[in-house]
Amino acid sequence: MYPRLSQLFGSFFHQDWDTEGNDWPDLVGNFALGSPATELYATADELDHLLDNCPADTALEHELFDVLYCEYTPRPDLGGPTVRVWLGQMADRLRQLAGQA
């Protein structure tokens, strides 16, 4: 259902994500390296669809962590954004990087 997100989370947000970068902007930047702008925009659109298709936060977290196997959390308990806000920030960052490609 979300092939680009499967690639993004499976390749960069796995259990050893910290070997791919220091934080989520690093991981998204690494994902974007060598990717055409059209793919980055399409990935951001998939994030938008994920957010739209999961209006309840529990459903969103289930899809992200249990279906897409994301092992990174923005740690709202430590002052980070909620998962919903974080995914929106990721979509914005992908669009920003696409505009620079």
Protein backbone atom coordinates (compact mmCIF):
# COMPACT_ATOMS: atom_id res chain seq x y z
CA MET A 1 0.00 0.00 0.00
CA TYR A 2 2.93 2.32 0.73
CA PRO A 3 5.89 1.00 -1.30
CA ARG A 4 8.05 4.09 -0.92
CA LEU A 5 7.45 4.26 2.83
CA SER A 6 8.31 0.57 3.12
CA GLN A 7 11.62 1.34 1.44
CA LEU A 8 12.24 4.45 3.56
CA PHE A 9 11.47 2.88 6.91
CA GLY A 10 12.89 -0.55 6.11
CA SER A 11 16.19 0.79 4.82
CA PHE A 12 16.81 3.76 7.10
CA PHE A 13 14.58 3.57 10.18
CA HIS A 14 15.39 -0.02 11.17
CA GLN A 15 16.51 -1.18 14.62
CA ASP A 16 20.07 0.00 13.96
CA TRP A 17 18.95 3.34 12.53
CA ASP A 18 21.72 5.17 14.36
CA THR A 19 24.25 3.53 12.01
CA GLU A 20 22.52 5.41 9.15
CA GLY A 21 22.63 8.86 10.79
CA ASN A 22 22.37 10.80 14.04
CA ASP A 23 18.71 11.74 13.84
CA TRP A 24 15.70 11.55 11.54
CA PRO A 25 16.77 14.52 9.32
CA ASP A 26 20.03 12.66 8.64
CA LEU A 27 18.11 9.51 7.76
CA VAL A 28 15.77 11.35 5.41
CA GLY A 29 18.75 13.11 3.84
CA ASN A 30 20.49 9.79 3.26
CA PHE A 31 17.30 8.38 1.74
CA ALA A 32 17.15 11.39 -0.58
CA LEU A 33 20.73 11.08 -1.82
CA GLY A 34 20.66 10.18 -5.48
CA SER A 35 16.87 10.06 -5.61
CA PRO A 36 15.09 12.08 -8.27
CA ALA A 37 12.80 14.85 -7.10
CA THR A 38 9.76 12.97 -8.42
CA GLU A 39 10.48 10.07 -6.03
CA LEU A 40 10.94 12.39 -3.08
CA TYR A 41 7.65 14.14 -3.84
CA ALA A 42 5.93 10.77 -4.26
CA THR A 43 7.30 9.59 -0.89
CA ALA A 44 6.04 12.78 0.77
CA ASP A 45 2.64 12.15 -0.84
CA GLU A 46 2.61 8.63 0.62
CA LEU A 47 3.25 10.14 4.05
CA ASP A 48 0.30 12.48 3.49
CA HIS A 49 -1.89 9.52 2.51
CA LEU A 50 -0.78 7.57 5.56
CA LEU A 51 -1.73 10.50 7.79
CA ASP A 52 -5.09 10.91 6.03
CA ASN A 53 -5.88 7.18 6.12
CA CYS A 54 -5.15 6.90 9.86
CA PRO A 55 -7.10 9.65 11.61
CA ALA A 56 -6.70 7.93 14.98
CA ASP A 57 -3.21 8.13 16.45
CA THR A 58 -3.35 4.51 17.61
CA ALA A 59 -4.06 3.33 14.05
CA LEU A 60 -1.26 5.54 12.73
CA GLU A 61 1.22 4.16 15.22
CA HIS A 62 0.12 0.59 14.44
CA GLU A 63 0.66 1.15 10.71
CA LEU A 64 4.03 2.82 11.25
CA PHE A 65 5.53 0.48 13.83
CA ASP A 66 3.79 -2.85 13.18
CA VAL A 67 3.17 -2.77 9.42
CA LEU A 68 5.97 -0.57 8.06
CA TYR A 69 8.40 -1.78 10.76
CA CYS A 70 9.70 1.64 11.72
CA GLU A 71 12.03 1.26 14.70
CA TYR A 72 12.58 5.00 15.24
CA THR A 73 10.36 7.03 17.52
CA PRO A 74 10.45 10.81 17.91
CA ARG A 75 10.09 10.28 21.69
CA PRO A 76 7.23 12.57 22.61
CA ASP A 77 7.78 11.41 26.20
CA LEU A 78 11.13 13.24 26.09
CA GLY A 79 9.85 16.41 24.48
CA GLY A 80 9.86 15.26 20.85
CA PRO A 81 6.89 15.75 18.55
CA THR A 82 4.00 13.32 18.34
CA VAL A 83 4.23 10.68 15.65
CA ARG A 84 1.65 12.55 13.56
CA VAL A 85 3.57 15.84 13.76
CA TRP A 86 6.86 14.07 13.08
CA LEU A 87 5.55 12.38 9.94
CA GLY A 88 4.30 15.74 8.73
CA GLN A 89 7.76 17.18 9.35
CA MET A 90 9.26 14.32 7.37
CA ALA A 91 6.94 15.04 4.43
CA ASP A 92 7.93 18.72 4.55
CA ARG A 93 11.63 17.80 4.62
CA LEU A 94 11.26 15.46 1.65
CA ARG A 95 9.57 18.22 -0.34
CA GLN A 96 12.31 20.65 0.64
CA LEU A 97 14.99 18.19 -0.51
CA ALA A 98 13.07 17.51 -3.74
CA GLY A 99 13.10 21.22 -4.47
CA GLN A 100 16.89 21.20 -4.14
CA ALA A 101 17.40 18.13 -6.35
